[in-house]
Amino acid sequence: MRNYQSLKPSFCLKTGLAAAFLILFFSACGTVGKDFNESLYANIVKGTTTHKEIRAMFGPPFKKGIQNGDPVWTYEYNHVNAFGTDVIKDMIIVFDKSGVVKSHQLMTSTPE
């Protein structure tokens, strides 16, 4: 006759670990940055659009920096999950000394 009491702890441990792994796997996701409306990117005009207009369209930048002495604003939104429906959006805007857009670029993981 088998002693089922000795099998119970091992079975419970394995079942618990498997359940924990599945919960972590299916809930594995993360978000960095703040979502922004990339369709407004078409409204940015090099040499015309100001930093005040950019802020009005997109809100405050996720990051600010300096590139070759010029102010740079970065808008970033990265949402990744275990199901492969990742959304990656990065927009970089370089301003001249007077606060007018000098250059800009948008990169996304979604097809155009």
PDB file of N, CA and C in Angstrom:
ATOM      1  N   MET A   1       0.835  -1.174   0.000  1.00  0.00           N
ATOM      2  CA  MET A   1       0.000   0.000   0.000  1.00  0.00           C
ATOM      3  C   MET A   1       0.889   1.249   0.000  1.00  0.00           C
ATOM      4  N   ARG A   2       0.540   2.188  -0.836  1.00  0.00           N
ATOM      5  CA  ARG A   2       1.321   3.431  -0.941  1.00  0.00           C
ATOM      6  C   ARG A   2       0.967   4.400   0.166  1.00  0.00           C
ATOM      7  N   ASN A   3       1.942   5.202   0.500  1.00  0.00           N
ATOM      8  CA  ASN A   3       1.717   6.243   1.489  1.00  0.00           C
ATOM      9  C   ASN A   3       1.524   7.563   0.739  1.00  0.00           C
ATOM     10  N   TYR A   4       0.279   7.974   0.573  1.00  0.00           N
ATOM     11  CA  TYR A   4      -0.029   9.186  -0.189  1.00  0.00           C
ATOM     12  C   TYR A   4       0.336  10.460   0.560  1.00  0.00           C
ATOM     13  N   GLN A   5       0.517  10.379   1.826  1.00  0.00           N
ATOM     14  CA  GLN A   5       0.912  11.547   2.610  1.00  0.00           C
ATOM     15  C   GLN A   5       2.280  12.059   2.166  1.00  0.00           C
ATOM     16  N   SER A   6       3.191  11.159   1.804  1.00  0.00           N
ATOM     17  CA  SER A   6       4.531  11.590   1.412  1.00  0.00           C
ATOM     18  C   SER A   6       4.531  12.219   0.019  1.00  0.00           C
ATOM     19  N   LEU A   7       3.538  11.915  -0.805  1.00  0.00           N
ATOM     20  CA  LEU A   7       3.451  12.497  -2.138  1.00  0.00           C
ATOM     21  C   LEU A   7       2.827  13.889  -2.122  1.00  0.00           C
ATOM     22  N   LYS A   8       1.991  14.168  -1.165  1.00  0.00           N
ATOM     23  CA  LYS A   8       1.267  15.436  -1.128  1.00  0.00           C
ATOM     24  C   LYS A   8       2.166  16.673  -1.101  1.00  0.00           C
ATOM     25  N   PRO A   9       3.151  16.761  -0.217  1.00  0.00           N
ATOM     26  CA  PRO A   9       3.970  17.974  -0.198  1.00  0.00           C
ATOM     27  C   PRO A   9       4.704  18.209  -1.517  1.00  0.00           C
ATOM     28  N   SER A  10       5.239  17.161  -2.106  1.00  0.00           N
ATOM     29  CA  SER A  10       5.962  17.299  -3.362  1.00  0.00           C
ATOM     30  C   SER A  10       5.019  17.753  -4.475  1.00  0.00           C
ATOM     31  N   PHE A  11       3.846  17.163  -4.552  1.00  0.00           N
ATOM     32  CA  PHE A  11       2.859  17.527  -5.569  1.00  0.00           C
ATOM     33  C   PHE A  11       2.394  18.967  -5.381  1.00  0.00           C
ATOM     34  N   CYS A  12       2.129  19.340  -4.165  1.00  0.00           N
ATOM     35  CA  CYS A  12       1.678  20.716  -3.883  1.00  0.00           C
ATOM     36  C   CYS A  12       2.758  21.729  -4.236  1.00  0.00           C
ATOM     37  N   LEU A  13       4.006  21.392  -3.930  1.00  0.00           N
ATOM     38  CA  LEU A  13       5.104  22.299  -4.244  1.00  0.00           C
ATOM     39  C   LEU A  13       5.237  22.486  -5.754  1.00  0.00           C
ATOM     40  N   LYS A  14       5.192  21.390  -6.491  1.00  0.00           N
ATOM     41  CA  LYS A  14       5.313  21.469  -7.950  1.00  0.00           C
ATOM     42  C   LYS A  14       4.129  22.215  -8.556  1.00  0.00           C
ATOM     43  N   THR A  15       2.945  21.938  -8.073  1.00  0.00           N
ATOM     44  CA  THR A  15       1.755  22.614  -8.586  1.00  0.00           C
ATOM     45  C   THR A  15       1.812  24.101  -8.273  1.00  0.00           C
ATOM     46  N   GLY A  16       2.224  24.443  -7.076  1.00  0.00           N
ATOM     47  CA  GLY A  16       2.340  25.846  -6.683  1.00  0.00           C
ATOM     48  C   GLY A  16       3.372  26.588  -7.510  1.00  0.00           C
ATOM     49  N   LEU A  17       4.515  25.952  -7.754  1.00  0.00           N
ATOM     50  CA  LEU A  17       5.550  26.578  -8.569  1.00  0.00           C
ATOM     51  C   LEU A  17       5.089  26.754 -10.011  1.00  0.00           C
ATOM     52  N   ALA A  18       4.412  25.760 -10.535  1.00  0.00           N
ATOM     53  CA  ALA A  18       3.900  25.859 -11.907  1.00  0.00           C
ATOM     54  C   ALA A  18       2.875  26.985 -12.018  1.00  0.00           C
ATOM     55  N   ALA A  19       2.001  27.089 -11.053  1.00  0.00           N
ATOM     56  CA  ALA A  19       0.988  28.143 -11.059  1.00  0.00           C
ATOM     57  C   ALA A  19       1.647  29.519 -10.948  1.00  0.00           C
ATOM     58  N   ALA A  20       2.641  29.643 -10.085  1.00  0.00           N
ATOM     59  CA  ALA A  20       3.347  30.920  -9.942  1.00  0.00           C
ATOM     60  C   ALA A  20       4.050  31.307 -11.235  1.00  0.00           C
ATOM     61  N   PHE A  21       4.671  30.341 -11.885  1.00  0.00           N
ATOM     62  CA  PHE A  21       5.347  30.606 -13.157  1.00  0.00           C
ATOM     63  C   PHE A  21       4.348  31.085 -14.204  1.00  0.00           C
ATOM     64  N   LEU A  22       3.211  30.414 -14.311  1.00  0.00           N
ATOM     65  CA  LEU A  22       2.203  30.804 -15.302  1.00  0.00           C
ATOM     66  C   LEU A  22       1.652  32.198 -15.028  1.00  0.00           C
ATOM     67  N   ILE A  23       1.422  32.517 -13.777  1.00  0.00           N
ATOM     68  CA  ILE A  23       0.915  33.848 -13.413  1.00  0.00           C
ATOM     69  C   ILE A  23       1.941  34.912 -13.797  1.00  0.00           C
ATOM     70  N   LEU A  24       3.214  34.673 -13.474  1.00  0.00           N
ATOM     71  CA  LEU A  24       4.257  35.641 -13.831  1.00  0.00           C
ATOM     72  C   LEU A  24       4.408  35.765 -15.335  1.00  0.00           C
ATOM     73  N   PHE A  25       4.342  34.641 -16.052  1.00  0.00           N
ATOM     74  CA  PHE A  25       4.513  34.663 -17.502  1.00  0.00           C
ATOM     75  C   PHE A  25       3.407  35.463 -18.172  1.00  0.00           C
ATOM     76  N   PHE A  26       2.163  35.217 -17.788  1.00  0.00           N
ATOM     77  CA  PHE A  26       1.045  35.882 -18.460  1.00  0.00           C
ATOM     78  C   PHE A  26       0.805  37.307 -17.978  1.00  0.00           C
ATOM     79  N   SER A  27       1.374  37.664 -16.865  1.00  0.00           N
ATOM     80  CA  SER A  27       1.213  39.041 -16.405  1.00  0.00           C
ATOM     81  C   SER A  27       2.468  39.870 -16.676  1.00  0.00           C
ATOM     82  N   ALA A  28       3.458  39.276 -17.309  1.00  0.00           N
ATOM     83  CA  ALA A  28       4.717  39.972 -17.569  1.00  0.00           C
ATOM     84  C   ALA A  28       4.495  41.094 -18.583  1.00  0.00           C
ATOM     85  N   CYS A  29       4.508  42.299 -18.094  1.00  0.00           N
ATOM     86  CA  CYS A  29       4.395  43.458 -18.971  1.00  0.00           C
ATOM     87  C   CYS A  29       5.022  44.640 -18.261  1.00  0.00           C
ATOM     88  N   GLY A  30       5.309  45.653 -19.025  1.00  0.00           N
ATOM     89  CA  GLY A  30       5.882  46.843 -18.431  1.00  0.00           C
ATOM     90  C   GLY A  30       5.683  48.041 -19.329  1.00  0.00           C
ATOM     91  N   THR A  31       5.626  49.205 -18.712  1.00  0.00           N
ATOM     92  CA  THR A  31       5.445  50.445 -19.452  1.00  0.00           C
ATOM     93  C   THR A  31       6.468  51.463 -18.975  1.00  0.00           C
ATOM     94  N   VAL A  32       7.066  52.140 -19.942  1.00  0.00           N
ATOM     95  CA  VAL A  32       8.005  53.224 -19.652  1.00  0.00           C
ATOM     96  C   VAL A  32       7.546  54.443 -20.436  1.00  0.00           C
ATOM     97  N   GLY A  33       7.540  55.585 -19.789  1.00  0.00           N
ATOM     98  CA  GLY A  33       7.158  56.824 -20.458  1.00  0.00           C
ATOM     99  C   GLY A  33       5.668  57.094 -20.368  1.00  0.00           C
ATOM    100  N   LYS A  34       5.230  58.049 -21.169  1.00  0.00           N
ATOM    101  CA  LYS A  34       3.823  58.461 -21.191  1.00  0.00           C
ATOM    102  C   LYS A  34       3.349  58.439 -22.637  1.00  0.00           C
ATOM    103  N   ASP A  35       2.173  57.869 -22.865  1.00  0.00           N
ATOM    104  CA  ASP A  35       1.644  57.773 -24.227  1.00  0.00           C
ATOM    105  C   ASP A  35       1.404  59.171 -24.794  1.00  0.00           C
ATOM    106  N   PHE A  36       1.625  59.316 -26.091  1.00  0.00           N
ATOM    107  CA  PHE A  36       1.387  60.592 -26.769  1.00  0.00           C
ATOM    108  C   PHE A  36       0.763  60.307 -28.130  1.00  0.00           C
ATOM    109  N   ASN A  37       0.091  61.304 -28.654  1.00  0.00           N
ATOM    110  CA  ASN A  37      -0.615  61.179 -29.927  1.00  0.00           C
ATOM    111  C   ASN A  37       0.362  61.440 -31.078  1.00  0.00           C
ATOM    112  N   GLU A  38       0.885  60.355 -31.656  1.00  0.00           N
ATOM    113  CA  GLU A  38       1.877  60.518 -32.722  1.00  0.00           C
ATOM    114  C   GLU A  38       1.296  61.085 -34.011  1.00  0.00           C
ATOM    115  N   SER A  39      -0.023  61.099 -34.154  1.00  0.00           N
ATOM    116  CA  SER A  39      -0.615  61.685 -35.371  1.00  0.00           C
ATOM    117  C   SER A  39      -0.383  63.204 -35.422  1.00  0.00           C
ATOM    118  N   LEU A  40      -0.121  63.825 -34.272  1.00  0.00           N
ATOM    119  CA  LEU A  40       0.166  65.268 -34.241  1.00  0.00           C
ATOM    120  C   LEU A  40       1.562  65.588 -34.765  1.00  0.00           C
ATOM    121  N   TYR A  41       2.372  64.559 -34.955  1.00  0.00           N
ATOM    122  CA  TYR A  41       3.736  64.755 -35.457  1.00  0.00           C
ATOM    123  C   TYR A  41       3.731  65.502 -36.795  1.00  0.00           C
ATOM    124  N   ALA A  42       2.719  65.252 -37.610  1.00  0.00           N
ATOM    125  CA  ALA A  42       2.610  65.900 -38.925  1.00  0.00           C
ATOM    126  C   ALA A  42       2.482  67.422 -38.801  1.00  0.00           C
ATOM    127  N   ASN A  43       2.079  67.924 -37.626  1.00  0.00           N
ATOM    128  CA  ASN A  43       1.916  69.368 -37.421  1.00  0.00           C
ATOM    129  C   ASN A  43       3.227  70.086 -37.096  1.00  0.00           C
ATOM    130  N   ILE A  44       4.291  69.338 -36.858  1.00  0.00           N
ATOM    131  CA  ILE A  44       5.573  69.960 -36.519  1.00  0.00           C
ATOM    132  C   ILE A  44       6.259  70.425 -37.800  1.00  0.00           C
ATOM    133  N   VAL A  45       6.613  71.708 -37.830  1.00  0.00           N
ATOM    134  CA  VAL A  45       7.264  72.293 -39.006  1.00  0.00           C
ATOM    135  C   VAL A  45       8.642  72.799 -38.584  1.00  0.00           C
ATOM    136  N   LYS A  46       9.662  72.223 -39.192  1.00  0.00           N
ATOM    137  CA  LYS A  46      11.039  72.638 -38.916  1.00  0.00           C
ATOM    138  C   LYS A  46      11.208  74.127 -39.239  1.00  0.00           C
ATOM    139  N   GLY A  47      11.792  74.877 -38.290  1.00  0.00           N
ATOM    140  CA  GLY A  47      12.020  76.303 -38.489  1.00  0.00           C
ATOM    141  C   GLY A  47      10.829  77.181 -38.162  1.00  0.00           C
ATOM    142  N   THR A  48       9.689  76.571 -37.777  1.00  0.00           N
ATOM    143  CA  THR A  48       8.473  77.345 -37.498  1.00  0.00           C
ATOM    144  C   THR A  48       7.873  77.028 -36.127  1.00  0.00           C
ATOM    145  N   THR A  49       7.703  75.729 -35.820  1.00  0.00           N
ATOM    146  CA  THR A  49       7.040  75.311 -34.580  1.00  0.00           C
ATOM    147  C   THR A  49       7.931  75.618 -33.375  1.00  0.00           C
ATOM    148  N   THR A  50       7.321  76.174 -32.322  1.00  0.00           N
ATOM    149  CA  THR A  50       8.075  76.549 -31.120  1.00  0.00           C
ATOM    150  C   THR A  50       7.929  75.489 -30.029  1.00  0.00           C
ATOM    151  N   HIS A  51       8.777  75.617 -29.003  1.00  0.00           N
ATOM    152  CA  HIS A  51       8.698  74.675 -27.882  1.00  0.00           C
ATOM    153  C   HIS A  51       7.373  74.815 -27.135  1.00  0.00           C
ATOM    154  N   LYS A  52       6.798  76.008 -27.127  1.00  0.00           N
ATOM    155  CA  LYS A  52       5.489  76.198 -26.485  1.00  0.00           C
ATOM    156  C   LYS A  52       4.397  75.438 -27.241  1.00  0.00           C
ATOM    157  N   GLU A  53       4.473  75.447 -28.568  1.00  0.00           N
ATOM    158  CA  GLU A  53       3.494  74.715 -29.378  1.00  0.00           C
ATOM    159  C   GLU A  53       3.672  73.200 -29.216  1.00  0.00           C
ATOM    160  N   ILE A  54       4.917  72.754 -29.117  1.00  0.00           N
ATOM    161  CA  ILE A  54       5.180  71.324 -28.896  1.00  0.00           C
ATOM    162  C   ILE A  54       4.598  70.895 -27.551  1.00  0.00           C
ATOM    163  N   ARG A  55       4.822  71.700 -26.527  1.00  0.00           N
ATOM    164  CA  ARG A  55       4.281  71.380 -25.201  1.00  0.00           C
ATOM    165  C   ARG A  55       2.755  71.357 -25.224  1.00  0.00           C
ATOM    166  N   ALA A  56       2.145  72.270 -25.968  1.00  0.00           N
ATOM    167  CA  ALA A  56       0.676  72.300 -26.062  1.00  0.00           C
ATOM    168  C   ALA A  56       0.151  71.053 -26.777  1.00  0.00           C
ATOM    169  N   MET A  57       0.893  70.549 -27.777  1.00  0.00           N
ATOM    170  CA  MET A  57       0.456  69.368 -28.523  1.00  0.00           C
ATOM    171  C   MET A  57       0.690  68.065 -27.755  1.00  0.00           C
ATOM    172  N   PHE A  58       1.852  67.944 -27.098  1.00  0.00           N
ATOM    173  CA  PHE A  58       2.262  66.661 -26.528  1.00  0.00           C
ATOM    174  C   PHE A  58       2.407  66.651 -25.014  1.00  0.00           C
ATOM    175  N   GLY A  59       2.317  67.817 -24.385  1.00  0.00           N
ATOM    176  CA  GLY A  59       2.536  67.876 -22.945  1.00  0.00           C
ATOM    177  C   GLY A  59       4.020  67.976 -22.629  1.00  0.00           C
ATOM    178  N   PRO A  60       4.368  67.853 -21.365  1.00  0.00           N
ATOM    179  CA  PRO A  60       5.783  67.943 -21.002  1.00  0.00           C
ATOM    180  C   PRO A  60       6.563  66.744 -21.550  1.00  0.00           C
ATOM    181  N   PRO A  61       7.835  66.947 -21.909  1.00  0.00           N
ATOM    182  CA  PRO A  61       8.626  65.841 -22.442  1.00  0.00           C
ATOM    183  C   PRO A  61       8.953  64.807 -21.360  1.00  0.00           C
ATOM    184  N   PHE A  62       9.196  63.577 -21.810  1.00  0.00           N
ATOM    185  CA  PHE A  62       9.619  62.511 -20.891  1.00  0.00           C
ATOM    186  C   PHE A  62      11.045  62.763 -20.404  1.00  0.00           C
ATOM    187  N   LYS A  63      11.894  63.259 -21.318  1.00  0.00           N
ATOM    188  CA  LYS A  63      13.279  63.590 -20.976  1.00  0.00           C
ATOM    189  C   LYS A  63      13.684  64.874 -21.688  1.00  0.00           C
ATOM    190  N   LYS A  64      14.600  65.615 -21.052  1.00  0.00           N
ATOM    191  CA  LYS A  64      15.201  66.801 -21.664  1.00  0.00           C
ATOM    192  C   LYS A  64      16.705  66.626 -21.651  1.00  0.00           C
ATOM    193  N   GLY A  65      17.357  67.174 -22.671  1.00  0.00           N
ATOM    194  CA  GLY A  65      18.810  67.088 -22.719  1.00  0.00           C
ATOM    195  C   GLY A  65      19.382  68.163 -23.614  1.00  0.00           C
ATOM    196  N   ILE A  66      20.677  68.042 -23.883  1.00  0.00           N
ATOM    197  CA  ILE A  66      21.397  68.983 -24.734  1.00  0.00           C
ATOM    198  C   ILE A  66      22.158  68.167 -25.775  1.00  0.00           C
ATOM    199  N   GLN A  67      22.074  68.598 -27.030  1.00  0.00           N
ATOM    200  CA  GLN A  67      22.813  67.959 -28.121  1.00  0.00           C
ATOM    201  C   GLN A  67      23.547  69.044 -28.889  1.00  0.00           C
ATOM    202  N   ASN A  68      24.851  68.999 -28.860  1.00  0.00           N
ATOM    203  CA  ASN A  68      25.671  70.021 -29.539  1.00  0.00           C
ATOM    204  C   ASN A  68      25.248  71.431 -29.145  1.00  0.00           C
ATOM    205  N   GLY A  69      24.905  71.620 -27.877  1.00  0.00           N
ATOM    206  CA  GLY A  69      24.529  72.931 -27.366  1.00  0.00           C
ATOM    207  C   GLY A  69      23.068  73.299 -27.550  1.00  0.00           C
ATOM    208  N   ASP A  70      22.306  72.467 -28.248  1.00  0.00           N
ATOM    209  CA  ASP A  70      20.884  72.752 -28.483  1.00  0.00           C
ATOM    210  C   ASP A  70      19.996  71.914 -27.558  1.00  0.00           C
ATOM    211  N   PRO A  71      18.888  72.511 -27.073  1.00  0.00           N
ATOM    212  CA  PRO A  71      17.960  71.751 -26.228  1.00  0.00           C
ATOM    213  C   PRO A  71      17.285  70.622 -27.017  1.00  0.00           C
ATOM    214  N   VAL A  72      17.118  69.476 -26.359  1.00  0.00           N
ATOM    215  CA  VAL A  72      16.477  68.312 -26.966  1.00  0.00           C
ATOM    216  C   VAL A  72      15.387  67.817 -26.022  1.00  0.00           C
ATOM    217  N   TRP A  73      14.208  67.575 -26.571  1.00  0.00           N
ATOM    218  CA  TRP A  73      13.107  66.982 -25.822  1.00  0.00           C
ATOM    219  C   TRP A  73      12.826  65.605 -26.402  1.00  0.00           C
ATOM    220  N   THR A  74      12.605  64.656 -25.507  1.00  0.00           N
ATOM    221  CA  THR A  74      12.279  63.293 -25.932  1.00  0.00           C
ATOM    222  C   THR A  74      10.935  62.894 -25.350  1.00  0.00           C
ATOM    223  N   TYR A  75      10.071  62.415 -26.212  1.00  0.00           N
ATOM    224  CA  TYR A  75       8.790  61.835 -25.815  1.00  0.00           C
ATOM    225  C   TYR A  75       8.920  60.339 -26.063  1.00  0.00           C
ATOM    226  N   GLU A  76       8.597  59.558 -25.051  1.00  0.00           N
ATOM    227  CA  GLU A  76       8.824  58.117 -25.144  1.00  0.00           C
ATOM    228  C   GLU A  76       7.658  57.354 -24.533  1.00  0.00           C
ATOM    229  N   TYR A  77       7.254  56.304 -25.223  1.00  0.00           N
ATOM    230  CA  TYR A  77       6.239  55.396 -24.683  1.00  0.00           C
ATOM    231  C   TYR A  77       6.591  53.992 -25.146  1.00  0.00           C
ATOM    232  N   ASN A  78       6.900  53.131 -24.202  1.00  0.00           N
ATOM    233  CA  ASN A  78       7.236  51.746 -24.487  1.00  0.00           C
ATOM    234  C   ASN A  78       6.371  50.854 -23.604  1.00  0.00           C
ATOM    235  N   HIS A  79       5.487  50.107 -24.242  1.00  0.00           N
ATOM    236  CA  HIS A  79       4.640  49.161 -23.512  1.00  0.00           C
ATOM    237  C   HIS A  79       4.885  47.772 -24.097  1.00  0.00           C
ATOM    238  N   VAL A  80       5.437  46.891 -23.276  1.00  0.00           N
ATOM    239  CA  VAL A  80       5.731  45.532 -23.729  1.00  0.00           C
ATOM    240  C   VAL A  80       4.993  44.537 -22.847  1.00  0.00           C
ATOM    241  N   ASN A  81       4.591  43.420 -23.463  1.00  0.00           N
ATOM    242  CA  ASN A  81       3.927  42.371 -22.688  1.00  0.00           C
ATOM    243  C   ASN A  81       4.258  41.010 -23.275  1.00  0.00           C
ATOM    244  N   ALA A  82       3.832  39.969 -22.590  1.00  0.00           N
ATOM    245  CA  ALA A  82       4.149  38.593 -22.977  1.00  0.00           C
ATOM    246  C   ALA A  82       3.372  38.136 -24.202  1.00  0.00           C
ATOM    247  N   PHE A  83       2.379  38.875 -24.625  1.00  0.00           N
ATOM    248  CA  PHE A  83       1.543  38.456 -25.749  1.00  0.00           C
ATOM    249  C   PHE A  83       2.040  38.989 -27.092  1.00  0.00           C
ATOM    250  N   GLY A  84       3.131  39.757 -27.097  1.00  0.00           N
ATOM    251  CA  GLY A  84       3.699  40.249 -28.338  1.00  0.00           C
ATOM    252  C   GLY A  84       3.005  41.452 -28.934  1.00  0.00           C
ATOM    253  N   THR A  85       2.149  42.104 -28.183  1.00  0.00           N
ATOM    254  CA  THR A  85       1.459  43.296 -28.676  1.00  0.00           C
ATOM    255  C   THR A  85       2.162  44.544 -28.142  1.00  0.00           C
ATOM    256  N   ASP A  86       3.459  44.606 -28.377  1.00  0.00           N
ATOM    257  CA  ASP A  86       4.271  45.707 -27.872  1.00  0.00           C
ATOM    258  C   ASP A  86       3.993  46.988 -28.655  1.00  0.00           C
ATOM    259  N   VAL A  87       4.065  48.109 -27.949  1.00  0.00           N
ATOM    260  CA  VAL A  87       3.932  49.422 -28.574  1.00  0.00           C
ATOM    261  C   VAL A  87       5.178  50.213 -28.185  1.00  0.00           C
ATOM    262  N   ILE A  88       5.941  50.613 -29.185  1.00  0.00           N
ATOM    263  CA  ILE A  88       7.156  51.392 -28.957  1.00  0.00           C
ATOM    264  C   ILE A  88       7.035  52.680 -29.768  1.00  0.00           C
ATOM    265  N   LYS A  89       7.123  53.824 -29.078  1.00  0.00           N
ATOM    266  CA  LYS A  89       7.060  55.127 -29.755  1.00  0.00           C
ATOM    267  C   LYS A  89       8.099  56.049 -29.120  1.00  0.00           C
ATOM    268  N   ASP A  90       8.940  56.629 -29.970  1.00  0.00           N
ATOM    269  CA  ASP A  90       9.931  57.594 -29.516  1.00  0.00           C
ATOM    270  C   ASP A  90       9.908  58.785 -30.460  1.00  0.00           C
ATOM    271  N   MET A  91       9.848  59.979 -29.901  1.00  0.00           N
ATOM    272  CA  MET A  91       9.891  61.200 -30.697  1.00  0.00           C
ATOM    273  C   MET A  91      10.962  62.105 -30.092  1.00  0.00           C
ATOM    274  N   ILE A  92      11.880  62.544 -30.939  1.00  0.00           N
ATOM    275  CA  ILE A  92      12.983  63.394 -30.495  1.00  0.00           C
ATOM    276  C   ILE A  92      12.891  64.723 -31.235  1.00  0.00           C
ATOM    277  N   ILE A  93      12.909  65.809 -30.469  1.00  0.00           N
ATOM    278  CA  ILE A  93      12.805  67.148 -31.049  1.00  0.00           C
ATOM    279  C   ILE A  93      13.994  67.977 -30.578  1.00  0.00           C
ATOM    280  N   VAL A  94      14.716  68.527 -31.532  1.00  0.00           N
ATOM    281  CA  VAL A  94      15.859  69.400 -31.235  1.00  0.00           C
ATOM    282  C   VAL A  94      15.434  70.835 -31.548  1.00  0.00           C
ATOM    283  N   PHE A  95      15.677  71.724 -30.601  1.00  0.00           N
ATOM    284  CA  PHE A  95      15.326  73.143 -30.760  1.00  0.00           C
ATOM    285  C   PHE A  95      16.594  73.965 -30.961  1.00  0.00           C
ATOM    286  N   ASP A  96      16.445  75.098 -31.651  1.00  0.00           N
ATOM    287  CA  ASP A  96      17.567  76.027 -31.729  1.00  0.00           C
ATOM    288  C   ASP A  96      17.571  76.879 -30.456  1.00  0.00           C
ATOM    289  N   LYS A  97      18.498  77.788 -30.388  1.00  0.00           N
ATOM    290  CA  LYS A  97      18.645  78.614 -29.168  1.00  0.00           C
ATOM    291  C   LYS A  97      17.421  79.472 -28.871  1.00  0.00           C
ATOM    292  N   SER A  98      16.638  79.794 -29.896  1.00  0.00           N
ATOM    293  CA  SER A  98      15.447  80.627 -29.684  1.00  0.00           C
ATOM    294  C   SER A  98      14.186  79.800 -29.403  1.00  0.00           C
ATOM    295  N   GLY A  99      14.314  78.465 -29.315  1.00  0.00           N
ATOM    296  CA  GLY A  99      13.166  77.630 -28.975  1.00  0.00           C
ATOM    297  C   GLY A  99      12.316  77.196 -30.148  1.00  0.00           C
ATOM    298  N   VAL A 100      12.870  77.274 -31.357  1.00  0.00           N
ATOM    299  CA  VAL A 100      12.160  76.845 -32.569  1.00  0.00           C
ATOM    300  C   VAL A 100      12.723  75.487 -33.000  1.00  0.00           C
ATOM    301  N   VAL A 101      11.850  74.626 -33.531  1.00  0.00           N
ATOM    302  CA  VAL A 101      12.267  73.280 -33.929  1.00  0.00           C
ATOM    303  C   VAL A 101      13.359  73.347 -34.989  1.00  0.00           C
ATOM    304  N   LYS A 102      14.474  72.703 -34.687  1.00  0.00           N
ATOM    305  CA  LYS A 102      15.614  72.631 -35.601  1.00  0.00           C
ATOM    306  C   LYS A 102      15.575  71.308 -36.377  1.00  0.00           C
ATOM    307  N   SER A 103      15.217  70.231 -35.691  1.00  0.00           N
ATOM    308  CA  SER A 103      15.054  68.923 -36.337  1.00  0.00           C
ATOM    309  C   SER A 103      14.143  68.074 -35.459  1.00  0.00           C
ATOM    310  N   HIS A 104      13.566  67.045 -36.057  1.00  0.00           N
ATOM    311  CA  HIS A 104      12.663  66.166 -35.296  1.00  0.00           C
ATOM    312  C   HIS A 104      12.590  64.814 -35.978  1.00  0.00           C
ATOM    313  N   GLN A 105      12.315  63.796 -35.175  1.00  0.00           N
ATOM    314  CA  GLN A 105      12.150  62.450 -35.721  1.00  0.00           C
ATOM    315  C   GLN A 105      11.195  61.651 -34.859  1.00  0.00           C
ATOM    316  N   LEU A 106      10.480  60.745 -35.516  1.00  0.00           N
ATOM    317  CA  LEU A 106       9.523  59.864 -34.838  1.00  0.00           C
ATOM    318  C   LEU A 106       9.849  58.438 -35.234  1.00  0.00           C
ATOM    319  N   MET A 107       9.950  57.563 -34.239  1.00  0.00           N
ATOM    320  CA  MET A 107      10.189  56.144 -34.479  1.00  0.00           C
ATOM    321  C   MET A 107       9.122  55.350 -33.744  1.00  0.00           C
ATOM    322  N   THR A 108       8.490  54.406 -34.444  1.00  0.00           N
ATOM    323  CA  THR A 108       7.444  53.584 -33.822  1.00  0.00           C
ATOM    324  C   THR A 108       7.627  52.124 -34.231  1.00  0.00           C
ATOM    325  N   SER A 109       7.015  51.253 -33.472  1.00  0.00           N
ATOM    326  CA  SER A 109       7.037  49.826 -33.798  1.00  0.00           C
ATOM    327  C   SER A 109       5.849  49.432 -34.663  1.00  0.00           C
ATOM    328  N   THR A 110       4.951  50.372 -34.913  1.00  0.00           N
ATOM    329  CA  THR A 110       3.764  50.063 -35.710  1.00  0.00           C
ATOM    330  C   THR A 110       4.018  50.396 -37.177  1.00  0.00           C
ATOM    331  N   PRO A 111       3.475  49.579 -38.086  1.00  0.00           N
ATOM    332  CA  PRO A 111       3.656  49.896 -39.502  1.00  0.00           C
ATOM    333  C   PRO A 111       2.924  51.190 -39.872  1.00  0.00           C
ATOM    334  N   GLU A 112       3.431  51.844 -40.886  1.00  0.00           N
ATOM    335  CA  GLU A 112       2.836  53.127 -41.305  1.00  0.00           C
ATOM    336  C   GLU A 112       1.513  52.944 -41.966  1.00  0.00           C
TER     337      GLU A 112
END
